[in-house]
């Protein structure tokens, strides 16, 4: 999976603003299009898994609306907002996607369930749209605004933290970190996550000159903390649904939600970091 993801990101960077012609018509694919297609695929699969979690709680998933709204949010960074809405409008495209997504959910609720479980059903589906759609848009925004290598740095640092936490926690873990939410997590594993994330960030900083080594240490440290918080957040969803994993589609991991949980929550932090630290 690591090799496949890296290949997709590098191919996306190599193509850049890809231009092609069909007959007399010319088309331009903006940078990030291939990565956006991958993210949309993950969003669709994630929404299907999320529907399973809702079903376990006897909630109704309005999957078509959730998929369309979350995919629209996730892919917004590759578009130029001024070409989609007149600049005189006060609201951003995100506002319109969320507004019409909510209206779509209310319509589905009315047609499907009437007044039964309105708050629970619509609230849970809104959460899925923000969780999978809005948060994933920050990962695509890193690619569009900062380039391929900062995106790879962000993903590798966060997933290195996951690997470090699992490896050290399995080998040396004794003291439980959050037994009510995730019984397998330990303080020793959390330390392993910090070390692995900082080491990965330093490797990218030294090899690609993305940032200074001092900022790399800070980036690795906070990415590990926020990424582990994202892992715990997804664990809360699973525990509430009385599920060990979100699904069983990915051997050894569980489901798509179990793979993307930490990068999703860490993506907004990483975007802010690259905006106010690296770009400064």
C-alpha atoms as a PDB file:
ATOM      1  CA  UNK A   1       0.000   0.000   0.000  1.00  0.00           C
ATOM      2  CA  UNK A   2       2.862   2.353   0.771  1.00  0.00           C
ATOM      3  CA  UNK A   3       4.456   1.712  -2.626  1.00  0.00           C
ATOM      4  CA  UNK A   4       1.127   2.129  -4.440  1.00  0.00           C
ATOM      5  CA  UNK A   5       0.287   5.372  -2.660  1.00  0.00           C
ATOM      6  CA  UNK A   6       3.756   6.813  -3.296  1.00  0.00           C
ATOM      7  CA  UNK A   7       3.512   5.866  -6.972  1.00  0.00           C
ATOM      8  CA  UNK A   8       0.135   7.599  -7.313  1.00  0.00           C
ATOM      9  CA  UNK A   9       1.412  10.787  -5.669  1.00  0.00           C
ATOM     10  CA  UNK A  10       4.601  10.862  -7.756  1.00  0.00           C
ATOM     11  CA  UNK A  11       2.625  10.235 -10.956  1.00  0.00           C
ATOM     12  CA  UNK A  12       0.295  13.057 -10.003  1.00  0.00           C
ATOM     13  CA  UNK A  13       3.269  15.353  -9.466  1.00  0.00           C
ATOM     14  CA  UNK A  14       4.902  14.295 -12.725  1.00  0.00           C
ATOM     15  CA  UNK A  15       1.787  15.053 -14.771  1.00  0.00           C
ATOM     16  CA  UNK A  16       1.181  18.437 -13.136  1.00  0.00           C
ATOM     17  CA  UNK A  17      -1.392  20.425 -15.115  1.00  0.00           C
ATOM     18  CA  UNK A  18      -1.958  17.713 -17.701  1.00  0.00           C
ATOM     19  CA  UNK A  19      -3.269  18.935 -21.060  1.00  0.00           C
ATOM     20  CA  UNK A  20      -4.769  16.731 -23.733  1.00  0.00           C
ATOM     21  CA  UNK A  21      -6.976  17.073 -26.818  1.00  0.00           C
ATOM     22  CA  UNK A  22      -9.942  15.111 -28.115  1.00  0.00           C
ATOM     23  CA  UNK A  23     -10.815  16.093 -31.683  1.00  0.00           C
ATOM     24  CA  UNK A  24     -10.820  19.905 -31.613  1.00  0.00           C
ATOM     25  CA  UNK A  25     -11.474  20.171 -27.883  1.00  0.00           C
ATOM     26  CA  UNK A  26      -8.664  20.827 -25.444  1.00  0.00           C
ATOM     27  CA  UNK A  27      -8.825  19.799 -21.822  1.00  0.00           C
ATOM     28  CA  UNK A  28      -6.631  20.527 -18.816  1.00  0.00           C
ATOM     29  CA  UNK A  29      -6.546  18.368 -15.718  1.00  0.00           C
ATOM     30  CA  UNK A  30      -5.458  20.523 -12.765  1.00  0.00           C
ATOM     31  CA  UNK A  31      -2.660  19.307 -10.524  1.00  0.00           C
ATOM     32  CA  UNK A  32      -3.895  16.963  -7.880  1.00  0.00           C
ATOM     33  CA  UNK A  33      -6.492  15.312 -10.117  1.00  0.00           C
ATOM     34  CA  UNK A  34      -5.061  11.796  -9.806  1.00  0.00           C
ATOM     35  CA  UNK A  35      -4.678  12.146  -6.046  1.00  0.00           C
ATOM     36  CA  UNK A  36      -8.227  13.522  -5.896  1.00  0.00           C
ATOM     37  CA  UNK A  37      -9.485  10.399  -7.665  1.00  0.00           C
ATOM     38  CA  UNK A  38      -7.721   8.235  -5.078  1.00  0.00           C
ATOM     39  CA  UNK A  39      -9.168  10.280  -2.214  1.00  0.00           C
ATOM     40  CA  UNK A  40     -12.673  10.047  -3.668  1.00  0.00           C
ATOM     41  CA  UNK A  41     -12.276   6.268  -3.874  1.00  0.00           C
ATOM     42  CA  UNK A  42     -11.278   6.152  -0.206  1.00  0.00           C
ATOM     43  CA  UNK A  43     -14.145   8.472   0.709  1.00  0.00           C
ATOM     44  CA  UNK A  44     -16.687   6.240  -1.041  1.00  0.00           C
ATOM     45  CA  UNK A  45     -15.346   3.122   0.658  1.00  0.00           C
ATOM     46  CA  UNK A  46     -15.183   4.967   3.974  1.00  0.00           C
ATOM     47  CA  UNK A  47     -18.807   6.068   3.698  1.00  0.00           C
ATOM     48  CA  UNK A  48     -19.874   2.492   3.021  1.00  0.00           C
ATOM     49  CA  UNK A  49     -18.029   1.382   6.155  1.00  0.00           C
ATOM     50  CA  UNK A  50     -19.533   4.268   8.103  1.00  0.00           C
ATOM     51  CA  UNK A  51     -22.981   3.093   7.045  1.00  0.00           C
ATOM     52  CA  UNK A  52     -22.174  -0.246   8.683  1.00  0.00           C
ATOM     53  CA  UNK A  53     -21.270   1.508  11.938  1.00  0.00           C
ATOM     54  CA  UNK A  54     -24.548   3.432  11.840  1.00  0.00           C
ATOM     55  CA  UNK A  55     -26.511   0.253  11.168  1.00  0.00           C
ATOM     56  CA  UNK A  56     -24.941  -1.302  14.269  1.00  0.00           C
ATOM     57  CA  UNK A  57     -26.483   1.576  16.249  1.00  0.00           C
ATOM     58  CA  UNK A  58     -29.860   1.208  14.481  1.00  0.00           C
ATOM     59  CA  UNK A  59     -29.306   4.473  12.634  1.00  0.00           C
ATOM     60  CA  UNK A  60     -30.160   5.085   8.998  1.00  0.00           C
ATOM     61  CA  UNK A  61     -27.310   5.960   6.626  1.00  0.00           C
ATOM     62  CA  UNK A  62     -28.227   8.132   3.663  1.00  0.00           C
ATOM     63  CA  UNK A  63     -25.177   6.911   1.789  1.00  0.00           C
ATOM     64  CA  UNK A  64     -25.804   8.449  -1.686  1.00  0.00           C
ATOM     65  CA  UNK A  65     -26.120  11.969  -0.243  1.00  0.00           C
ATOM     66  CA  UNK A  66     -23.188  11.456   2.121  1.00  0.00           C
ATOM     67  CA  UNK A  67     -20.962  10.165  -0.682  1.00  0.00           C
ATOM     68  CA  UNK A  68     -21.796  13.028  -3.057  1.00  0.00           C
ATOM     69  CA  UNK A  69     -21.374  15.736  -0.414  1.00  0.00           C
ATOM     70  CA  UNK A  70     -18.181  14.332   1.095  1.00  0.00           C
ATOM     71  CA  UNK A  71     -16.626  13.710  -2.353  1.00  0.00           C
ATOM     72  CA  UNK A  72     -17.479  17.286  -3.356  1.00  0.00           C
ATOM     73  CA  UNK A  73     -15.838  18.669  -0.218  1.00  0.00           C
ATOM     74  CA  UNK A  74     -12.790  16.441  -0.577  1.00  0.00           C
ATOM     75  CA  UNK A  75     -12.046  17.539  -4.169  1.00  0.00           C
ATOM     76  CA  UNK A  76     -12.636  21.292  -3.798  1.00  0.00           C
ATOM     77  CA  UNK A  77      -8.904  22.171  -3.488  1.00  0.00           C
ATOM     78  CA  UNK A  78      -8.210  21.249  -7.131  1.00  0.00           C
ATOM     79  CA  UNK A  79     -10.719  23.805  -8.402  1.00  0.00           C
ATOM     80  CA  UNK A  80     -10.433  27.575  -8.635  1.00  0.00           C
ATOM     81  CA  UNK A  81     -13.322  28.960  -6.557  1.00  0.00           C
ATOM     82  CA  UNK A  82     -13.650  32.058  -8.732  1.00  0.00           C
ATOM     83  CA  UNK A  83     -14.540  29.887 -11.721  1.00  0.00           C
ATOM     84  CA  UNK A  84     -17.319  28.132  -9.811  1.00  0.00           C
ATOM     85  CA  UNK A  85     -19.020  31.031  -8.041  1.00  0.00           C
ATOM     86  CA  UNK A  86     -19.168  34.764  -8.672  1.00  0.00           C
ATOM     87  CA  UNK A  87     -16.786  36.586  -6.380  1.00  0.00           C
ATOM     88  CA  UNK A  88     -19.664  38.863  -5.282  1.00  0.00           C
ATOM     89  CA  UNK A  89     -21.214  36.000  -3.302  1.00  0.00           C
ATOM     90  CA  UNK A  90     -20.515  36.147   0.416  1.00  0.00           C
ATOM     91  CA  UNK A  91     -20.350  32.407   0.885  1.00  0.00           C
ATOM     92  CA  UNK A  92     -17.689  29.895  -0.086  1.00  0.00           C
ATOM     93  CA  UNK A  93     -18.320  26.707  -2.008  1.00  0.00           C
ATOM     94  CA  UNK A  94     -17.834  24.744   1.212  1.00  0.00           C
ATOM     95  CA  UNK A  95     -20.836  26.568   2.670  1.00  0.00           C
ATOM     96  CA  UNK A  96     -22.990  25.621  -0.317  1.00  0.00           C
ATOM     97  CA  UNK A  97     -21.898  21.977  -0.273  1.00  0.00           C
ATOM     98  CA  UNK A  98     -22.683  21.692   3.434  1.00  0.00           C
ATOM     99  CA  UNK A  99     -26.002  23.537   3.048  1.00  0.00           C
ATOM    100  CA  UNK A 100     -27.273  21.457   0.138  1.00  0.00           C
ATOM    101  CA  UNK A 101     -25.881  18.298   1.711  1.00  0.00           C
ATOM    102  CA  UNK A 102     -27.947  18.986   4.828  1.00  0.00           C
ATOM    103  CA  UNK A 103     -31.046  19.655   2.738  1.00  0.00           C
ATOM    104  CA  UNK A 104     -30.466  16.383   0.908  1.00  0.00           C
ATOM    105  CA  UNK A 105     -30.200  14.511   4.199  1.00  0.00           C
ATOM    106  CA  UNK A 106     -33.439  16.061   5.457  1.00  0.00           C
ATOM    107  CA  UNK A 107     -35.198  15.081   2.246  1.00  0.00           C
ATOM    108  CA  UNK A 108     -33.956  11.491   2.548  1.00  0.00           C
ATOM    109  CA  UNK A 109     -35.056  11.427   6.181  1.00  0.00           C
ATOM    110  CA  UNK A 110     -38.532  12.637   5.221  1.00  0.00           C
ATOM    111  CA  UNK A 111     -38.942  10.128   2.404  1.00  0.00           C
ATOM    112  CA  UNK A 112     -37.437   7.196   4.305  1.00  0.00           C
ATOM    113  CA  UNK A 113     -38.168   7.568   7.984  1.00  0.00           C
ATOM    114  CA  UNK A 114     -40.450  10.550   8.476  1.00  0.00           C
ATOM    115  CA  UNK A 115     -40.124  11.959  11.976  1.00  0.00           C
ATOM    116  CA  UNK A 116     -38.469   8.872  13.460  1.00  0.00           C
ATOM    117  CA  UNK A 117     -34.870   9.515  14.527  1.00  0.00           C
ATOM    118  CA  UNK A 118     -34.424  12.833  12.698  1.00  0.00           C
ATOM    119  CA  UNK A 119     -31.760  14.251  15.004  1.00  0.00           C
ATOM    120  CA  UNK A 120     -29.803  10.999  15.291  1.00  0.00           C
ATOM    121  CA  UNK A 121     -29.932  10.064  11.601  1.00  0.00           C
ATOM    122  CA  UNK A 122     -29.225  13.495  10.140  1.00  0.00           C
ATOM    123  CA  UNK A 123     -26.638  14.311  12.805  1.00  0.00           C
ATOM    124  CA  UNK A 124     -24.719  11.093  12.225  1.00  0.00           C
ATOM    125  CA  UNK A 125     -24.744  11.551   8.451  1.00  0.00           C
ATOM    126  CA  UNK A 126     -23.607  15.169   8.771  1.00  0.00           C
ATOM    127  CA  UNK A 127     -20.759  13.966  10.959  1.00  0.00           C
ATOM    128  CA  UNK A 128     -19.710  11.449   8.290  1.00  0.00           C
ATOM    129  CA  UNK A 129     -19.643  14.175   5.626  1.00  0.00           C
ATOM    130  CA  UNK A 130     -17.446  16.468   7.720  1.00  0.00           C
ATOM    131  CA  UNK A 131     -15.250  13.639   8.989  1.00  0.00           C
ATOM    132  CA  UNK A 132     -14.515  12.038   5.611  1.00  0.00           C
ATOM    133  CA  UNK A 133     -15.122  14.939   3.247  1.00  0.00           C
ATOM    134  CA  UNK A 134     -13.932  18.114   4.909  1.00  0.00           C
ATOM    135  CA  UNK A 135     -10.951  16.609   6.731  1.00  0.00           C
ATOM    136  CA  UNK A 136      -9.652  14.778   3.649  1.00  0.00           C
ATOM    137  CA  UNK A 137      -9.777  18.015   1.637  1.00  0.00           C
ATOM    138  CA  UNK A 138      -6.851  19.316   3.722  1.00  0.00           C
ATOM    139  CA  UNK A 139      -4.658  16.442   2.485  1.00  0.00           C
ATOM    140  CA  UNK A 140      -5.439  17.334  -1.132  1.00  0.00           C
ATOM    141  CA  UNK A 141      -4.869  21.012  -0.318  1.00  0.00           C
ATOM    142  CA  UNK A 142      -1.355  20.185   0.911  1.00  0.00           C
ATOM    143  CA  UNK A 143      -0.626  18.599  -2.469  1.00  0.00           C
ATOM    144  CA  UNK A 144      -2.095  21.504  -4.465  1.00  0.00           C
ATOM    145  CA  UNK A 145      -0.642  24.379  -2.427  1.00  0.00           C
ATOM    146  CA  UNK A 146       2.727  22.963  -1.367  1.00  0.00           C
ATOM    147  CA  UNK A 147       3.601  20.121  -3.724  1.00  0.00           C
ATOM    148  CA  UNK A 148       4.226  16.397  -3.779  1.00  0.00           C
ATOM    149  CA  UNK A 149       7.044  16.083  -1.236  1.00  0.00           C
ATOM    150  CA  UNK A 150       5.339  17.952   1.629  1.00  0.00           C
ATOM    151  CA  UNK A 151       2.315  15.702   1.107  1.00  0.00           C
ATOM    152  CA  UNK A 152       4.458  12.571   1.219  1.00  0.00           C
ATOM    153  CA  UNK A 153       6.262  13.942   4.263  1.00  0.00           C
ATOM    154  CA  UNK A 154       2.953  14.493   6.062  1.00  0.00           C
ATOM    155  CA  UNK A 155       1.597  11.011   5.267  1.00  0.00           C
ATOM    156  CA  UNK A 156       4.840   9.181   6.033  1.00  0.00           C
ATOM    157  CA  UNK A 157       5.343  11.002   9.330  1.00  0.00           C
ATOM    158  CA  UNK A 158       1.813  10.246  10.529  1.00  0.00           C
ATOM    159  CA  UNK A 159       1.886   6.606   9.435  1.00  0.00           C
ATOM    160  CA  UNK A 160       5.399   6.189  10.887  1.00  0.00           C
ATOM    161  CA  UNK A 161       3.888   7.234  14.200  1.00  0.00           C
ATOM    162  CA  UNK A 162       1.260   4.504  13.792  1.00  0.00           C
ATOM    163  CA  UNK A 163       3.943   1.932  13.029  1.00  0.00           C
ATOM    164  CA  UNK A 164       6.110   3.068  15.938  1.00  0.00           C
ATOM    165  CA  UNK A 165       3.172   2.939  18.328  1.00  0.00           C
ATOM    166  CA  UNK A 166       2.195  -0.557  17.232  1.00  0.00           C
ATOM    167  CA  UNK A 167       5.722  -1.987  17.230  1.00  0.00           C
ATOM    168  CA  UNK A 168       6.903  -0.546  20.551  1.00  0.00           C
ATOM    169  CA  UNK A 169       3.528  -1.093  22.191  1.00  0.00           C
ATOM    170  CA  UNK A 170       3.465  -4.748  21.123  1.00  0.00           C
ATOM    171  CA  UNK A 171       7.005  -5.426  22.265  1.00  0.00           C
ATOM    172  CA  UNK A 172       7.284  -3.349  25.412  1.00  0.00           C
ATOM    173  CA  UNK A 173       3.837  -1.997  26.230  1.00  0.00           C
ATOM    174  CA  UNK A 174       2.840  -2.361  29.871  1.00  0.00           C
ATOM    175  CA  UNK A 175       1.004   0.778  30.944  1.00  0.00           C
ATOM    176  CA  UNK A 176      -2.395   1.330  29.347  1.00  0.00           C
ATOM    177  CA  UNK A 177      -2.897   4.654  27.608  1.00  0.00           C
ATOM    178  CA  UNK A 178      -6.680   4.741  27.217  1.00  0.00           C
ATOM    179  CA  UNK A 179      -8.202   1.438  28.359  1.00  0.00           C
ATOM    180  CA  UNK A 180     -11.812   2.601  28.006  1.00  0.00           C
ATOM    181  CA  UNK A 181     -11.413   3.595  24.357  1.00  0.00           C
ATOM    182  CA  UNK A 182      -8.541   1.488  23.030  1.00  0.00           C
ATOM    183  CA  UNK A 183      -7.292  -1.209  25.437  1.00  0.00           C
ATOM    184  CA  UNK A 184      -4.315  -2.071  23.239  1.00  0.00           C
ATOM    185  CA  UNK A 185      -2.708   1.371  23.355  1.00  0.00           C
ATOM    186  CA  UNK A 186       0.052   1.983  25.883  1.00  0.00           C
ATOM    187  CA  UNK A 187       2.246   4.859  27.011  1.00  0.00           C
ATOM    188  CA  UNK A 188       5.268   2.939  25.720  1.00  0.00           C
ATOM    189  CA  UNK A 189       3.593   2.779  22.315  1.00  0.00           C
ATOM    190  CA  UNK A 190       2.916   6.518  22.443  1.00  0.00           C
ATOM    191  CA  UNK A 191       6.629   7.081  23.044  1.00  0.00           C
ATOM    192  CA  UNK A 192       7.440   4.853  20.079  1.00  0.00           C
ATOM    193  CA  UNK A 193       5.060   6.917  17.937  1.00  0.00           C
ATOM    194  CA  UNK A 194       6.870  10.140  18.862  1.00  0.00           C
ATOM    195  CA  UNK A 195      10.311   8.724  18.128  1.00  0.00           C
ATOM    196  CA  UNK A 196       9.268   7.203  14.779  1.00  0.00           C
ATOM    197  CA  UNK A 197       7.463  10.371  13.661  1.00  0.00           C
ATOM    198  CA  UNK A 198      10.359  12.669  14.564  1.00  0.00           C
ATOM    199  CA  UNK A 199      12.856  10.352  12.829  1.00  0.00           C
ATOM    200  CA  UNK A 200      10.734  10.293   9.678  1.00  0.00           C
ATOM    201  CA  UNK A 201      10.318  14.079   9.705  1.00  0.00           C
ATOM    202  CA  UNK A 202      14.070  14.583  10.120  1.00  0.00           C
ATOM    203  CA  UNK A 203      14.762  12.211   7.220  1.00  0.00           C
ATOM    204  CA  UNK A 204      12.455  14.172   4.900  1.00  0.00           C
ATOM    205  CA  UNK A 205      13.812  17.522   6.110  1.00  0.00           C
ATOM    206  CA  UNK A 206      17.416  16.453   5.578  1.00  0.00           C
ATOM    207  CA  UNK A 207      16.885  14.693   2.266  1.00  0.00           C
ATOM    208  CA  UNK A 208      14.534  17.157   0.573  1.00  0.00           C
ATOM    209  CA  UNK A 209      15.211  20.451   2.388  1.00  0.00           C
ATOM    210  CA  UNK A 210      11.517  20.972   3.127  1.00  0.00           C
ATOM    211  CA  UNK A 211      12.122  22.632   6.487  1.00  0.00           C
ATOM    212  CA  UNK A 212      14.844  23.105   9.092  1.00  0.00           C
ATOM    213  CA  UNK A 213      15.663  20.256  11.436  1.00  0.00           C
ATOM    214  CA  UNK A 214      14.275  22.205  14.388  1.00  0.00           C
ATOM    215  CA  UNK A 215      10.894  22.587  12.702  1.00  0.00           C
ATOM    216  CA  UNK A 216      11.058  18.960  11.577  1.00  0.00           C
ATOM    217  CA  UNK A 217      11.278  17.841  15.199  1.00  0.00           C
ATOM    218  CA  UNK A 218       8.273  20.011  16.061  1.00  0.00           C
ATOM    219  CA  UNK A 219       6.340  18.734  13.039  1.00  0.00           C
ATOM    220  CA  UNK A 220       7.054  15.104  13.904  1.00  0.00           C
ATOM    221  CA  UNK A 221       6.160  15.582  17.565  1.00  0.00           C
ATOM    222  CA  UNK A 222       2.829  17.309  16.994  1.00  0.00           C
ATOM    223  CA  UNK A 223       1.900  15.106  14.020  1.00  0.00           C
ATOM    224  CA  UNK A 224       2.353  12.039  16.208  1.00  0.00           C
ATOM    225  CA  UNK A 225       0.211  13.535  18.969  1.00  0.00           C
ATOM    226  CA  UNK A 226      -2.599  14.636  16.652  1.00  0.00           C
ATOM    227  CA  UNK A 227      -2.420  11.434  14.608  1.00  0.00           C
ATOM    228  CA  UNK A 228      -2.775   9.288  17.715  1.00  0.00           C
ATOM    229  CA  UNK A 229      -5.713  11.460  18.767  1.00  0.00           C
ATOM    230  CA  UNK A 230      -7.296  10.704  15.384  1.00  0.00           C
ATOM    231  CA  UNK A 231      -6.765   7.004  15.988  1.00  0.00           C
ATOM    232  CA  UNK A 232      -8.492   7.294  19.359  1.00  0.00           C
ATOM    233  CA  UNK A 233     -11.361   9.265  17.811  1.00  0.00           C
ATOM    234  CA  UNK A 234     -12.044   6.475  15.319  1.00  0.00           C
ATOM    235  CA  UNK A 235     -11.740   3.933  18.134  1.00  0.00           C
ATOM    236  CA  UNK A 236     -14.532   5.757  19.964  1.00  0.00           C
ATOM    237  CA  UNK A 237     -16.758   5.352  16.918  1.00  0.00           C
ATOM    238  CA  UNK A 238     -16.014   1.632  16.741  1.00  0.00           C
ATOM    239  CA  UNK A 239     -16.496   1.065  20.470  1.00  0.00           C
ATOM    240  CA  UNK A 240     -19.826   2.877  20.365  1.00  0.00           C
ATOM    241  CA  UNK A 241     -20.894   0.547  17.541  1.00  0.00           C
ATOM    242  CA  UNK A 242     -19.398  -2.417  19.431  1.00  0.00           C
ATOM    243  CA  UNK A 243     -17.022  -3.181  16.582  1.00  0.00           C
ATOM    244  CA  UNK A 244     -13.368  -4.144  16.859  1.00  0.00           C
ATOM    245  CA  UNK A 245     -12.664  -2.858  13.332  1.00  0.00           C
ATOM    246  CA  UNK A 246     -14.638  -0.649  10.963  1.00  0.00           C
ATOM    247  CA  UNK A 247     -14.665  -3.500   8.403  1.00  0.00           C
ATOM    248  CA  UNK A 248     -12.628  -6.513   7.310  1.00  0.00           C
ATOM    249  CA  UNK A 249     -11.729  -5.403   3.787  1.00  0.00           C
ATOM    250  CA  UNK A 250      -7.995  -4.908   4.464  1.00  0.00           C
ATOM    251  CA  UNK A 251      -6.261  -7.934   6.023  1.00  0.00           C
ATOM    252  CA  UNK A 252      -4.225  -6.999   9.082  1.00  0.00           C
ATOM    253  CA  UNK A 253      -5.774  -3.531   9.329  1.00  0.00           C
ATOM    254  CA  UNK A 254      -9.548  -3.898   9.332  1.00  0.00           C
ATOM    255  CA  UNK A 255     -11.172  -1.351   7.070  1.00  0.00           C
ATOM    256  CA  UNK A 256     -10.442   1.850   5.194  1.00  0.00           C
ATOM    257  CA  UNK A 257     -11.451   3.918   8.228  1.00  0.00           C
ATOM    258  CA  UNK A 258      -8.855   2.051  10.288  1.00  0.00           C
ATOM    259  CA  UNK A 259      -6.146   3.125   7.813  1.00  0.00           C
ATOM    260  CA  UNK A 260      -7.059   6.775   7.251  1.00  0.00           C
ATOM    261  CA  UNK A 261      -8.116   7.673  10.801  1.00  0.00           C
ATOM    262  CA  UNK A 262      -4.857   9.313  11.890  1.00  0.00           C
ATOM    263  CA  UNK A 263      -4.067  11.205   8.630  1.00  0.00           C
ATOM    264  CA  UNK A 264      -7.616  12.570   8.494  1.00  0.00           C
ATOM    265  CA  UNK A 265      -7.389  14.324  11.848  1.00  0.00           C
ATOM    266  CA  UNK A 266      -3.746  15.366  11.353  1.00  0.00           C
ATOM    267  CA  UNK A 267      -4.296  16.886   7.893  1.00  0.00           C
ATOM    268  CA  UNK A 268      -5.690  20.292   9.039  1.00  0.00           C
ATOM    269  CA  UNK A 269      -2.795  20.654  11.491  1.00  0.00           C
ATOM    270  CA  UNK A 270      -0.255  19.793   8.788  1.00  0.00           C
ATOM    271  CA  UNK A 271      -1.795  22.307   6.377  1.00  0.00           C
ATOM    272  CA  UNK A 272      -1.570  25.060   8.983  1.00  0.00           C
ATOM    273  CA  UNK A 273       2.020  24.065   9.747  1.00  0.00           C
ATOM    274  CA  UNK A 274       3.098  24.246   6.113  1.00  0.00           C
ATOM    275  CA  UNK A 275       1.214  27.545   5.673  1.00  0.00           C
ATOM    276  CA  UNK A 276       2.576  29.458   8.659  1.00  0.00           C
ATOM    277  CA  UNK A 277       5.945  27.787   9.234  1.00  0.00           C
ATOM    278  CA  UNK A 278       7.324  26.456   5.965  1.00  0.00           C
ATOM    279  CA  UNK A 279       5.905  29.132   3.683  1.00  0.00           C
ATOM    280  CA  UNK A 280       6.941  31.959   6.016  1.00  0.00           C
END
